């Protein structure tokens, strides 16, 4: 999971991100959050240690909040993209509600 893949590697750069780079970095961050959720849920499901499981599942909830924060930031940077998400929701709803 950990690759520290950013436009700059792991060290700070004097060059600032362009808007397009920022958008890509946020999308990558969203993917990383979902990957973290998957890993923490798998660990929690693989242990009988109840205190560890409780903490891991709490961390999962925090990661989901991070996804929401990143999604809000993405929506702020490119509000027009939300139309694609809404279209996807609509299409999925139509498929599910088919009789």
PDB file of N, CA and C in Angstrom:
ATOM      1  N   UNK A   1       0.815  -1.188   0.000  1.00  0.00           N
ATOM      2  CA  UNK A   1       0.000   0.000   0.000  1.00  0.00           C
ATOM      3  C   UNK A   1       0.863   1.258   0.000  1.00  0.00           C
ATOM      4  N   UNK A   2       1.794   1.340   0.887  1.00  0.00           N
ATOM      5  CA  UNK A   2       2.556   2.573   1.021  1.00  0.00           C
ATOM      6  C   UNK A   2       3.601   2.698  -0.070  1.00  0.00           C
ATOM      7  N   UNK A   3       3.442   3.717  -0.887  1.00  0.00           N
ATOM      8  CA  UNK A   3       4.420   3.995  -1.929  1.00  0.00           C
ATOM      9  C   UNK A   3       4.869   5.450  -1.864  1.00  0.00           C
ATOM     10  N   UNK A   4       4.170   6.253  -1.088  1.00  0.00           N
ATOM     11  CA  UNK A   4       4.467   7.674  -1.008  1.00  0.00           C
ATOM     12  C   UNK A   4       4.528   8.293  -2.399  1.00  0.00           C
ATOM     13  N   UNK A   5       3.562   7.913  -3.222  1.00  0.00           N
ATOM     14  CA  UNK A   5       3.564   8.423  -4.596  1.00  0.00           C
ATOM     15  C   UNK A   5       2.849   9.762  -4.653  1.00  0.00           C
ATOM     16  N   UNK A   6       3.632  10.781  -4.826  1.00  0.00           N
ATOM     17  CA  UNK A   6       3.138  12.135  -5.015  1.00  0.00           C
ATOM     18  C   UNK A   6       3.894  12.721  -6.199  1.00  0.00           C
ATOM     19  N   UNK A   7       3.472  13.864  -6.661  1.00  0.00           N
ATOM     20  CA  UNK A   7       4.221  14.471  -7.762  1.00  0.00           C
ATOM     21  C   UNK A   7       5.679  14.766  -7.408  1.00  0.00           C
ATOM     22  N   UNK A   8       6.001  14.775  -6.109  1.00  0.00           N
ATOM     23  CA  UNK A   8       7.336  15.178  -5.691  1.00  0.00           C
ATOM     24  C   UNK A   8       8.120  14.094  -4.966  1.00  0.00           C
ATOM     25  N   UNK A   9       7.581  12.915  -4.808  1.00  0.00           N
ATOM     26  CA  UNK A   9       8.249  11.918  -3.987  1.00  0.00           C
ATOM     27  C   UNK A   9       7.969  12.220  -2.525  1.00  0.00           C
ATOM     28  N   UNK A  10       8.939  11.993  -1.664  1.00  0.00           N
ATOM     29  CA  UNK A  10       8.700  12.184  -0.233  1.00  0.00           C
ATOM     30  C   UNK A  10       9.312  13.466   0.320  1.00  0.00           C
ATOM     31  N   UNK A  11       9.911  14.278  -0.508  1.00  0.00           N
ATOM     32  CA  UNK A  11      10.498  15.502   0.007  1.00  0.00           C
ATOM     33  C   UNK A  11       9.747  16.718  -0.523  1.00  0.00           C
ATOM     34  N   UNK A  12       9.795  17.769   0.223  1.00  0.00           N
ATOM     35  CA  UNK A  12       9.134  18.997  -0.158  1.00  0.00           C
ATOM     36  C   UNK A  12       9.817  19.618  -1.371  1.00  0.00           C
ATOM     37  N   UNK A  13       9.025  20.214  -2.228  1.00  0.00           N
ATOM     38  CA  UNK A  13       9.552  20.878  -3.411  1.00  0.00           C
ATOM     39  C   UNK A  13       9.228  22.358  -3.346  1.00  0.00           C
ATOM     40  N   UNK A  14      10.076  23.151  -3.958  1.00  0.00           N
ATOM     41  CA  UNK A  14       9.801  24.587  -4.032  1.00  0.00           C
ATOM     42  C   UNK A  14       8.686  24.878  -5.020  1.00  0.00           C
ATOM     43  N   UNK A  15       8.452  23.945  -5.942  1.00  0.00           N
ATOM     44  CA  UNK A  15       7.395  24.127  -6.923  1.00  0.00           C
ATOM     45  C   UNK A  15       6.060  23.731  -6.310  1.00  0.00           C
ATOM     46  N   UNK A  16       5.049  24.550  -6.513  1.00  0.00           N
ATOM     47  CA  UNK A  16       3.716  24.261  -6.012  1.00  0.00           C
ATOM     48  C   UNK A  16       2.934  23.447  -7.032  1.00  0.00           C
ATOM     49  N   UNK A  17       1.977  22.690  -6.531  1.00  0.00           N
ATOM     50  CA  UNK A  17       1.127  21.894  -7.414  1.00  0.00           C
ATOM     51  C   UNK A  17       0.282  22.782  -8.309  1.00  0.00           C
ATOM     52  N   UNK A  18       0.112  22.361  -9.542  1.00  0.00           N
ATOM     53  CA  UNK A  18      -0.869  23.007 -10.398  1.00  0.00           C
ATOM     54  C   UNK A  18      -2.243  22.502  -9.949  1.00  0.00           C
ATOM     55  N   UNK A  19      -3.290  23.135 -10.415  1.00  0.00           N
ATOM     56  CA  UNK A  19      -4.635  22.689 -10.066  1.00  0.00           C
ATOM     57  C   UNK A  19      -4.855  21.254 -10.528  1.00  0.00           C
ATOM     58  N   UNK A  20      -4.397  20.925 -11.714  1.00  0.00           N
ATOM     59  CA  UNK A  20      -4.560  19.573 -12.241  1.00  0.00           C
ATOM     60  C   UNK A  20      -3.803  18.552 -11.388  1.00  0.00           C
ATOM     61  N   UNK A  21      -2.604  18.892 -10.956  1.00  0.00           N
ATOM     62  CA  UNK A  21      -1.832  17.992 -10.090  1.00  0.00           C
ATOM     63  C   UNK A  21      -2.518  17.816  -8.740  1.00  0.00           C
ATOM     64  N   UNK A  22      -3.066  18.899  -8.216  1.00  0.00           N
ATOM     65  CA  UNK A  22      -3.789  18.831  -6.954  1.00  0.00           C
ATOM     66  C   UNK A  22      -4.990  17.907  -7.070  1.00  0.00           C
ATOM     67  N   UNK A  23      -5.728  18.025  -8.157  1.00  0.00           N
ATOM     68  CA  UNK A  23      -6.890  17.159  -8.390  1.00  0.00           C
ATOM     69  C   UNK A  23      -6.458  15.698  -8.445  1.00  0.00           C
ATOM     70  N   UNK A  24      -5.385  15.415  -9.168  1.00  0.00           N
ATOM     71  CA  UNK A  24      -4.891  14.031  -9.244  1.00  0.00           C
ATOM     72  C   UNK A  24      -4.428  13.537  -7.875  1.00  0.00           C
ATOM     73  N   UNK A  25      -3.777  14.407  -7.112  1.00  0.00           N
ATOM     74  CA  UNK A  25      -3.312  14.023  -5.773  1.00  0.00           C
ATOM     75  C   UNK A  25      -4.493  13.724  -4.860  1.00  0.00           C
ATOM     76  N   UNK A  26      -5.556  14.483  -4.983  1.00  0.00           N
ATOM     77  CA  UNK A  26      -6.740  14.234  -4.166  1.00  0.00           C
ATOM     78  C   UNK A  26      -7.396  12.928  -4.573  1.00  0.00           C
ATOM     79  N   UNK A  27      -7.504  12.666  -5.855  1.00  0.00           N
ATOM     80  CA  UNK A  27      -8.068  11.386  -6.313  1.00  0.00           C
ATOM     81  C   UNK A  27      -7.233  10.216  -5.798  1.00  0.00           C
ATOM     82  N   UNK A  28      -5.931  10.343  -5.851  1.00  0.00           N
ATOM     83  CA  UNK A  28      -5.053   9.303  -5.328  1.00  0.00           C
ATOM     84  C   UNK A  28      -5.264   9.145  -3.822  1.00  0.00           C
ATOM     85  N   UNK A  29      -5.447  10.243  -3.129  1.00  0.00           N
ATOM     86  CA  UNK A  29      -5.680  10.195  -1.688  1.00  0.00           C
ATOM     87  C   UNK A  29      -6.990   9.483  -1.368  1.00  0.00           C
ATOM     88  N   UNK A  30      -8.019   9.709  -2.179  1.00  0.00           N
ATOM     89  CA  UNK A  30      -9.289   9.006  -1.982  1.00  0.00           C
ATOM     90  C   UNK A  30      -9.081   7.505  -2.148  1.00  0.00           C
ATOM     91  N   UNK A  31      -8.370   7.126  -3.191  1.00  0.00           N
ATOM     92  CA  UNK A  31      -8.086   5.705  -3.409  1.00  0.00           C
ATOM     93  C   UNK A  31      -7.295   5.121  -2.240  1.00  0.00           C
ATOM     94  N   UNK A  32      -6.342   5.882  -1.719  1.00  0.00           N
ATOM     95  CA  UNK A  32      -5.542   5.421  -0.585  1.00  0.00           C
ATOM     96  C   UNK A  32      -6.408   5.228   0.656  1.00  0.00           C
ATOM     97  N   UNK A  33      -7.366   6.130   0.867  1.00  0.00           N
ATOM     98  CA  UNK A  33      -8.258   5.992   2.022  1.00  0.00           C
ATOM     99  C   UNK A  33      -9.085   4.717   1.906  1.00  0.00           C
ATOM    100  N   UNK A  34      -9.615   4.443   0.708  1.00  0.00           N
ATOM    101  CA  UNK A  34     -10.393   3.222   0.518  1.00  0.00           C
ATOM    102  C   UNK A  34      -9.521   1.981   0.709  1.00  0.00           C
ATOM    103  N   UNK A  35      -8.288   2.055   0.270  1.00  0.00           N
ATOM    104  CA  UNK A  35      -7.382   0.931   0.469  1.00  0.00           C
ATOM    105  C   UNK A  35      -7.113   0.722   1.960  1.00  0.00           C
ATOM    106  N   UNK A  36      -6.940   1.811   2.691  1.00  0.00           N
ATOM    107  CA  UNK A  36      -6.722   1.710   4.136  1.00  0.00           C
ATOM    108  C   UNK A  36      -7.945   1.090   4.812  1.00  0.00           C
ATOM    109  N   UNK A  37      -9.139   1.489   4.396  1.00  0.00           N
ATOM    110  CA  UNK A  37     -10.361   0.906   4.945  1.00  0.00           C
ATOM    111  C   UNK A  37     -10.348  -0.601   4.750  1.00  0.00           C
ATOM    112  N   UNK A  38     -10.022  -1.027   3.548  1.00  0.00           N
ATOM    113  CA  UNK A  38      -9.982  -2.462   3.240  1.00  0.00           C
ATOM    114  C   UNK A  38      -8.987  -3.193   4.133  1.00  0.00           C
ATOM    115  N   UNK A  39      -7.806  -2.650   4.278  1.00  0.00           N
ATOM    116  CA  UNK A  39      -6.758  -3.294   5.073  1.00  0.00           C
ATOM    117  C   UNK A  39      -7.177  -3.380   6.538  1.00  0.00           C
ATOM    118  N   UNK A  40      -7.678  -2.277   7.098  1.00  0.00           N
ATOM    119  CA  UNK A  40      -8.042  -2.265   8.519  1.00  0.00           C
ATOM    120  C   UNK A  40      -9.222  -3.191   8.803  1.00  0.00           C
ATOM    121  N   UNK A  41     -10.189  -3.256   7.873  1.00  0.00           N
ATOM    122  CA  UNK A  41     -11.304  -4.177   8.056  1.00  0.00           C
ATOM    123  C   UNK A  41     -10.817  -5.631   8.013  1.00  0.00           C
ATOM    124  N   UNK A  42      -9.909  -5.931   7.090  1.00  0.00           N
ATOM    125  CA  UNK A  42      -9.365  -7.290   6.998  1.00  0.00           C
ATOM    126  C   UNK A  42      -8.621  -7.675   8.274  1.00  0.00           C
ATOM    127  N   UNK A  43      -7.839  -6.736   8.805  1.00  0.00           N
ATOM    128  CA  UNK A  43      -7.117  -7.020  10.056  1.00  0.00           C
ATOM    129  C   UNK A  43      -8.112  -7.257  11.186  1.00  0.00           C
ATOM    130  N   UNK A  44      -9.123  -6.393  11.285  1.00  0.00           N
ATOM    131  CA  UNK A  44     -10.126  -6.538  12.348  1.00  0.00           C
ATOM    132  C   UNK A  44     -10.854  -7.878  12.247  1.00  0.00           C
ATOM    133  N   UNK A  45     -11.177  -8.277  11.034  1.00  0.00           N
ATOM    134  CA  UNK A  45     -11.871  -9.550  10.832  1.00  0.00           C
ATOM    135  C   UNK A  45     -10.970 -10.753  11.084  1.00  0.00           C
ATOM    136  N   UNK A  46      -9.674 -10.535  11.123  1.00  0.00           N
ATOM    137  CA  UNK A  46      -8.716 -11.634  11.244  1.00  0.00           C
ATOM    138  C   UNK A  46      -8.170 -11.798  12.657  1.00  0.00           C
ATOM    139  N   UNK A  47      -8.718 -11.046  13.614  1.00  0.00           N
ATOM    140  CA  UNK A  47      -8.230 -11.174  14.989  1.00  0.00           C
ATOM    141  C   UNK A  47      -9.378 -11.465  15.946  1.00  0.00           C
ATOM    142  N   UNK A  48      -9.039 -12.141  17.006  1.00  0.00           N
ATOM    143  CA  UNK A  48     -10.011 -12.368  18.078  1.00  0.00           C
ATOM    144  C   UNK A  48      -9.780 -11.400  19.232  1.00  0.00           C
ATOM    145  N   UNK A  49      -8.786 -10.540  19.105  1.00  0.00           N
ATOM    146  CA  UNK A  49      -8.474  -9.566  20.147  1.00  0.00           C
ATOM    147  C   UNK A  49      -9.497  -8.434  20.058  1.00  0.00           C
ATOM    148  N   UNK A  50     -10.455  -8.450  20.973  1.00  0.00           N
ATOM    149  CA  UNK A  50     -11.604  -7.543  20.878  1.00  0.00           C
ATOM    150  C   UNK A  50     -11.220  -6.068  20.981  1.00  0.00           C
ATOM    151  N   UNK A  51     -10.251  -5.730  21.815  1.00  0.00           N
ATOM    152  CA  UNK A  51      -9.851  -4.324  21.947  1.00  0.00           C
ATOM    153  C   UNK A  51      -9.184  -3.842  20.664  1.00  0.00           C
ATOM    154  N   UNK A  52      -8.342  -4.669  20.068  1.00  0.00           N
ATOM    155  CA  UNK A  52      -7.701  -4.300  18.795  1.00  0.00           C
ATOM    156  C   UNK A  52      -8.764  -4.143  17.715  1.00  0.00           C
ATOM    157  N   UNK A  53      -9.701  -5.073  17.673  1.00  0.00           N
ATOM    158  CA  UNK A  53     -10.769  -5.021  16.678  1.00  0.00           C
ATOM    159  C   UNK A  53     -11.578  -3.729  16.822  1.00  0.00           C
ATOM    160  N   UNK A  54     -11.898  -3.365  18.057  1.00  0.00           N
ATOM    161  CA  UNK A  54     -12.683  -2.151  18.314  1.00  0.00           C
ATOM    162  C   UNK A  54     -11.937  -0.903  17.824  1.00  0.00           C
ATOM    163  N   UNK A  55     -10.649  -0.834  18.103  1.00  0.00           N
ATOM    164  CA  UNK A  55      -9.846   0.315  17.658  1.00  0.00           C
ATOM    165  C   UNK A  55      -9.745   0.346  16.144  1.00  0.00           C
ATOM    166  N   UNK A  56      -9.486  -0.796  15.533  1.00  0.00           N
ATOM    167  CA  UNK A  56      -9.365  -0.854  14.069  1.00  0.00           C
ATOM    168  C   UNK A  56     -10.655  -0.412  13.386  1.00  0.00           C
ATOM    169  N   UNK A  57     -11.788  -0.852  13.896  1.00  0.00           N
ATOM    170  CA  UNK A  57     -13.062  -0.464  13.281  1.00  0.00           C
ATOM    171  C   UNK A  57     -13.366   1.013  13.502  1.00  0.00           C
ATOM    172  N   UNK A  58     -12.885   1.568  14.610  1.00  0.00           N
ATOM    173  CA  UNK A  58     -13.012   3.015  14.821  1.00  0.00           C
ATOM    174  C   UNK A  58     -12.159   3.770  13.806  1.00  0.00           C
ATOM    175  N   UNK A  59     -10.974   3.271  13.545  1.00  0.00           N
ATOM    176  CA  UNK A  59     -10.101   3.886  12.543  1.00  0.00           C
ATOM    177  C   UNK A  59     -10.751   3.813  11.165  1.00  0.00           C
ATOM    178  N   UNK A  60     -11.419   2.707  10.863  1.00  0.00           N
ATOM    179  CA  UNK A  60     -12.132   2.570   9.592  1.00  0.00           C
ATOM    180  C   UNK A  60     -13.140   3.705   9.437  1.00  0.00           C
ATOM    181  N   UNK A  61     -13.892   3.986  10.499  1.00  0.00           N
ATOM    182  CA  UNK A  61     -14.873   5.074  10.437  1.00  0.00           C
ATOM    183  C   UNK A  61     -14.194   6.414  10.175  1.00  0.00           C
ATOM    184  N   UNK A  62     -13.047   6.631  10.789  1.00  0.00           N
ATOM    185  CA  UNK A  62     -12.299   7.870  10.560  1.00  0.00           C
ATOM    186  C   UNK A  62     -11.848   7.977   9.112  1.00  0.00           C
ATOM    187  N   UNK A  63     -11.405   6.863   8.537  1.00  0.00           N
ATOM    188  CA  UNK A  63     -10.971   6.869   7.135  1.00  0.00           C
ATOM    189  C   UNK A  63     -12.137   7.227   6.217  1.00  0.00           C
ATOM    190  N   UNK A  64     -13.323   6.746   6.541  1.00  0.00           N
ATOM    191  CA  UNK A  64     -14.503   7.078   5.736  1.00  0.00           C
ATOM    192  C   UNK A  64     -14.800   8.570   5.803  1.00  0.00           C
ATOM    193  N   UNK A  65     -14.577   9.167   6.965  1.00  0.00           N
ATOM    194  CA  UNK A  65     -14.738  10.622   7.097  1.00  0.00           C
ATOM    195  C   UNK A  65     -13.721  11.336   6.211  1.00  0.00           C
ATOM    196  N   UNK A  66     -12.501  10.826   6.186  1.00  0.00           N
ATOM    197  CA  UNK A  66     -11.469  11.416   5.314  1.00  0.00           C
ATOM    198  C   UNK A  66     -11.907  11.376   3.854  1.00  0.00           C
ATOM    199  N   UNK A  67     -12.524  10.255   3.434  1.00  0.00           N
ATOM    200  CA  UNK A  67     -13.019  10.160   2.059  1.00  0.00           C
ATOM    201  C   UNK A  67     -14.001  11.300   1.797  1.00  0.00           C
ATOM    202  N   UNK A  68     -14.908  11.521   2.725  1.00  0.00           N
ATOM    203  CA  UNK A  68     -15.879  12.609   2.567  1.00  0.00           C
ATOM    204  C   UNK A  68     -15.214  13.970   2.467  1.00  0.00           C
ATOM    205  N   UNK A  69     -14.192  14.175   3.262  1.00  0.00           N
ATOM    206  CA  UNK A  69     -13.475  15.453   3.220  1.00  0.00           C
ATOM    207  C   UNK A  69     -12.780  15.640   1.872  1.00  0.00           C
ATOM    208  N   UNK A  70     -12.138  14.585   1.388  1.00  0.00           N
ATOM    209  CA  UNK A  70     -11.490  14.673   0.080  1.00  0.00           C
ATOM    210  C   UNK A  70     -12.509  14.877  -1.039  1.00  0.00           C
ATOM    211  N   UNK A  71     -13.656  14.187  -0.939  1.00  0.00           N
ATOM    212  CA  UNK A  71     -14.693  14.349  -1.960  1.00  0.00           C
ATOM    213  C   UNK A  71     -15.217  15.786  -1.973  1.00  0.00           C
ATOM    214  N   UNK A  72     -15.378  16.374  -0.799  1.00  0.00           N
ATOM    215  CA  UNK A  72     -15.811  17.764  -0.729  1.00  0.00           C
ATOM    216  C   UNK A  72     -14.780  18.679  -1.382  1.00  0.00           C
ATOM    217  N   UNK A  73     -13.526  18.429  -1.085  1.00  0.00           N
ATOM    218  CA  UNK A  73     -12.462  19.240  -1.681  1.00  0.00           C
ATOM    219  C   UNK A  73     -12.455  19.090  -3.196  1.00  0.00           C
ATOM    220  N   UNK A  74     -12.624  17.863  -3.671  1.00  0.00           N
ATOM    221  CA  UNK A  74     -12.672  17.617  -5.115  1.00  0.00           C
ATOM    222  C   UNK A  74     -13.853  18.361  -5.737  1.00  0.00           C
ATOM    223  N   UNK A  75     -14.997  18.300  -5.087  1.00  0.00           N
ATOM    224  CA  UNK A  75     -16.194  19.010  -5.571  1.00  0.00           C
ATOM    225  C   UNK A  75     -15.956  20.523  -5.601  1.00  0.00           C
ATOM    226  N   UNK A  76     -15.216  21.021  -4.633  1.00  0.00           N
ATOM    227  CA  UNK A  76     -14.898  22.450  -4.584  1.00  0.00           C
ATOM    228  C   UNK A  76     -14.001  22.850  -5.748  1.00  0.00           C
ATOM    229  N   UNK A  77     -13.040  21.987  -6.076  1.00  0.00           N
ATOM    230  CA  UNK A  77     -12.094  22.290  -7.151  1.00  0.00           C
ATOM    231  C   UNK A  77     -12.698  22.111  -8.540  1.00  0.00           C
ATOM    232  N   UNK A  78     -13.550  21.102  -8.691  1.00  0.00           N
ATOM    233  CA  UNK A  78     -14.164  20.828  -9.996  1.00  0.00           C
ATOM    234  C   UNK A  78     -15.655  20.494  -9.803  1.00  0.00           C
ATOM    235  N   UNK A  79     -16.463  21.510  -9.548  1.00  0.00           N
ATOM    236  CA  UNK A  79     -17.885  21.277  -9.259  1.00  0.00           C
ATOM    237  C   UNK A  79     -18.623  20.582 -10.395  1.00  0.00           C
ATOM    238  N   UNK A  80     -18.187  20.780 -11.622  1.00  0.00           N
ATOM    239  CA  UNK A  80     -18.872  20.163 -12.767  1.00  0.00           C
ATOM    240  C   UNK A  80     -18.767  18.640 -12.755  1.00  0.00           C
ATOM    241  N   UNK A  81     -17.787  18.101 -12.055  1.00  0.00           N
ATOM    242  CA  UNK A  81     -17.612  16.654 -12.020  1.00  0.00           C
ATOM    243  C   UNK A  81     -18.751  15.954 -11.268  1.00  0.00           C
ATOM    244  N   UNK A  82     -19.396  16.682 -10.391  1.00  0.00           N
ATOM    245  CA  UNK A  82     -20.497  16.083  -9.629  1.00  0.00           C
ATOM    246  C   UNK A  82     -21.621  15.606 -10.544  1.00  0.00           C
ATOM    247  N   UNK A  83     -21.756  16.218 -11.719  1.00  0.00           N
ATOM    248  CA  UNK A  83     -22.797  15.767 -12.650  1.00  0.00           C
ATOM    249  C   UNK A  83     -22.549  14.322 -13.086  1.00  0.00           C
ATOM    250  N   UNK A  84     -21.286  13.916 -13.194  1.00  0.00           N
ATOM    251  CA  UNK A  84     -20.967  12.532 -13.557  1.00  0.00           C
ATOM    252  C   UNK A  84     -21.367  11.570 -12.429  1.00  0.00           C
ATOM    253  N   UNK A  85     -21.087  11.961 -11.190  1.00  0.00           N
ATOM    254  CA  UNK A  85     -21.457  11.122 -10.049  1.00  0.00           C
ATOM    255  C   UNK A  85     -22.972  10.980  -9.975  1.00  0.00           C
ATOM    256  N   UNK A  86     -23.673  12.087 -10.161  1.00  0.00           N
ATOM    257  CA  UNK A  86     -25.139  12.050 -10.118  1.00  0.00           C
ATOM    258  C   UNK A  86     -25.694  11.169 -11.228  1.00  0.00           C
ATOM    259  N   UNK A  87     -25.095  11.225 -12.401  1.00  0.00           N
ATOM    260  CA  UNK A  87     -25.533  10.373 -13.507  1.00  0.00           C
ATOM    261  C   UNK A  87     -25.299   8.905 -13.163  1.00  0.00           C
ATOM    262  N   UNK A  88     -24.180   8.608 -12.542  1.00  0.00           N
ATOM    263  CA  UNK A  88     -23.896   7.233 -12.123  1.00  0.00           C
ATOM    264  C   UNK A  88     -24.899   6.737 -11.093  1.00  0.00           C
ATOM    265  N   UNK A  89     -25.249   7.597 -10.126  1.00  0.00           N
ATOM    266  CA  UNK A  89     -26.254   7.226  -9.123  1.00  0.00           C
ATOM    267  C   UNK A  89     -27.586   6.927  -9.800  1.00  0.00           C
ATOM    268  N   UNK A  90     -27.942   7.803 -10.746  1.00  0.00           N
ATOM    269  CA  UNK A  90     -29.217   7.651 -11.451  1.00  0.00           C
ATOM    270  C   UNK A  90     -29.238   6.334 -12.235  1.00  0.00           C
ATOM    271  N   UNK A  91     -28.177   6.046 -12.960  1.00  0.00           N
ATOM    272  CA  UNK A  91     -28.113   4.815 -13.744  1.00  0.00           C
ATOM    273  C   UNK A  91     -28.181   3.581 -12.845  1.00  0.00           C
ATOM    274  N   UNK A  92     -27.446   3.607 -11.738  1.00  0.00           N
ATOM    275  CA  UNK A  92     -27.463   2.465 -10.822  1.00  0.00           C
ATOM    276  C   UNK A  92     -28.848   2.276 -10.214  1.00  0.00           C
ATOM    277  N   UNK A  93     -29.490   3.379  -9.849  1.00  0.00           N
ATOM    278  CA  UNK A  93     -30.834   3.302  -9.277  1.00  0.00           C
ATOM    279  C   UNK A  93     -31.811   2.710 -10.283  1.00  0.00           C
ATOM    280  N   UNK A  94     -31.703   3.123 -11.531  1.00  0.00           N
ATOM    281  CA  UNK A  94     -32.595   2.595 -12.575  1.00  0.00           C
ATOM    282  C   UNK A  94     -32.391   1.088 -12.744  1.00  0.00           C
ATOM    283  N   UNK A  95     -31.156   0.640 -12.707  1.00  0.00           N
ATOM    284  CA  UNK A  95     -30.873  -0.792 -12.856  1.00  0.00           C
ATOM    285  C   UNK A  95     -31.449  -1.574 -11.675  1.00  0.00           C
ATOM    286  N   UNK A  96     -31.231  -1.070 -10.469  1.00  0.00           N
ATOM    287  CA  UNK A  96     -31.706  -1.754  -9.278  1.00  0.00           C
ATOM    288  C   UNK A  96     -33.230  -1.800  -9.216  1.00  0.00           C
ATOM    289  N   UNK A  97     -33.862  -0.734  -9.681  1.00  0.00           N
ATOM    290  CA  UNK A  97     -35.320  -0.655  -9.571  1.00  0.00           C
ATOM    291  C   UNK A  97     -36.049  -1.265 -10.760  1.00  0.00           C
ATOM    292  N   UNK A  98     -35.306  -1.828 -11.743  1.00  0.00           N
ATOM    293  CA  UNK A  98     -35.952  -2.484 -12.882  1.00  0.00           C
ATOM    294  C   UNK A  98     -36.789  -3.646 -12.383  1.00  0.00           C
ATOM    295  N   UNK A  99     -37.905  -3.821 -13.024  1.00  0.00           N
ATOM    296  CA  UNK A  99     -38.801  -4.935 -12.639  1.00  0.00           C
ATOM    297  C   UNK A  99     -38.821  -5.999 -13.673  1.00  0.00           C
TER     298      UNK A  99
END
